[in-house]
């Protein structure tokens, strides 16, 4: 169960339409969510594979089982397989993400 990070390589952040197109190409239907600056999520896991893109702001993923912290910014993608324990810390600007679930 490996967490995969894909960094946005373009010089400008993607638009929401660009990210939604990526999801469509993968047959996924994303939804948006946002958090205020410095919000946190306690360690938890999900019964599904989470596919998440950061649209605005930043969020740091905390993986206690591998002792990693991974900051994601606009355009960055994180794939969290089902069952991976993680926590999160929102950056100073808050965060808006697009998320979808794979079976």
Foldseek 3Di string as FASTA:
>chain_A
DDKDKDADDDPDFDAPVVVCVVCVVVVWDKDKDWDAAFDKFDKDFAQWKKKKAWQAFKKWKAQVVVRDIRIHHGGMIIIHGGPGIIMMTGHRHITMMIMTTDD
